[in-house]
Amino acid sequence: MNTSTECSAILPSPPESDVYLKIRDSTPLFGPPGTNQRIPIEVHNELEEDISLFFLFHESFPIQSVHHDIHAEMVEGVDPNSLFISGNSSSLVYIKLHISDFIPDLYRGKITLTAKLVHTNYSDTELPSNWRTSVSFYYTVANNGISKNDSDKPLCSQFEECSGGKEDCTKDACEYNTRERVLRVKDPGSGIQSVQVLYPDSADLQYQRFTIGTQHEIRLLVTQSCCDNALSVAVQDLAGNDAICSVGDVPATSQTSKPNAIFLVACLLYATVNYPKYPLFSL
């Protein structure tokens, strides 16, 4: 494990505002051509006051075209395109997609949803007038499901200990000191969907906000107590493959990845939403 990494170069994303957009880890971000899809986006308002929002989308194409370069718009709109949301509550909006028949298998498009304030005579919020928030993801066109085209786990480097961390952890009172480690992860297939610390539970994970499904490298910064030398991080891609990246003597019960259960839920949700007339199970 390297011990010379400069962790100050890894700046975490700024904290989320009290109003933010989120895509659940269980959301399937893939579908076959010739279908209509609806991607649920959670809208959270943790302010005390009610607010009104309107939504804009942006689509980048082509991100990747396996067969030939094409101009393939998938987004039809946002439903609803405006929303009144009470304080301390959440709601859903849907990005409506139409996957045309001519779009080739494994085509990837990047979609961004942005929320802005609707200003009225009754607006009374601490958010500035130019406030906005957004969430981005890659959507993959897949004839036979994305997992059939990507069976490879995400890649993770060796953990690198930050400069100075080792010296701090040699002090007697370990409970008063922390160590910082860097982990670099990447998935050249379907792209990274989520990362989470498996062990220890008290570890703090920070990283630059990334586009869900990115194939670029992500650098994770983990801070943990000097009393515990072991560390385990789970990384999952959009196809449901997960890698467990560990260092030290991690308890066996902490090395079971939680994302696999999430991916099973995603498959069931995809079947229920997009093929409701077909039963999931038969006796």
Foldseek 3Di string as FASTA:
>chain_A
DAAADACVVFDFAPDDDQWAKDADLLAQQEEAAPFKDKGKIKIGHQAQAKFKKFKDKDKDPFPDADPDGDDDDWWPAKVPRMDIDGHGDMDIIITMTHRHPPRDAFGKMKMKMKMATDDDPPDDDPDDNGDMYMAMAIHGHHNPAQLVVDVDAKDKDAKYWYHPQVVQLVDDPQQVGKTKIKMKIFDQGQAWADKDWLPDPPKDKGWYDDHGRDRDITMIMIMDTSVDPKTWMWIAHSSLHIDIHIDDDDDPVSRDDPSNVSNVSSVVVCCCVGPVVDDPDDD
